């Protein structure tokens, strides 16, 4: 298992923890169709999330989590790919997917946890991330995100130090 794969699995676990702390229930995603693969990577949803309480939360939705060293660069490349973009293909299969990008090196003023809400996008609009906390419909608090950002920085620093 390479370092990128380890970071990806940790990123997925931390995003699950964010949703659990926000009082969501996590369910495995099971799909009867073949996974959406690009190269060696699977871009199918990682899990389903449902709210514990009937509130303003969006009910049940799908979440895909990917770690990338640079979320901005990844999104830029996918926007350049147009209809061949993994985002475009995923949105066709799962129009209400939340695609969460996790990075340990966000741009200045940005969160380590950034998301694209496919359900709120207009056709032809370029993909862009917002900090996860900005998706008000999810009701995820800033302190929850900050605690997990601290964790990701500590864990990834240990991994990077161990890999040197």
Foldseek 3Di string as FASTA:
>chain_A
DDPQVVLFVVQVVLVVVLLVVLQKDKAADDDPDDFDDDPNDGQAFGIKIAHPDPDLAPGIATEGEHEDQEPVVLLVVLLVVPCVRPVNVRCVVGQQYKYWYAHLDYDPPAARIWIWGSVPDDPPDRTDTHHPVVPVSSVRDPVSRVVSSVVSNVVVVVVVVVVD
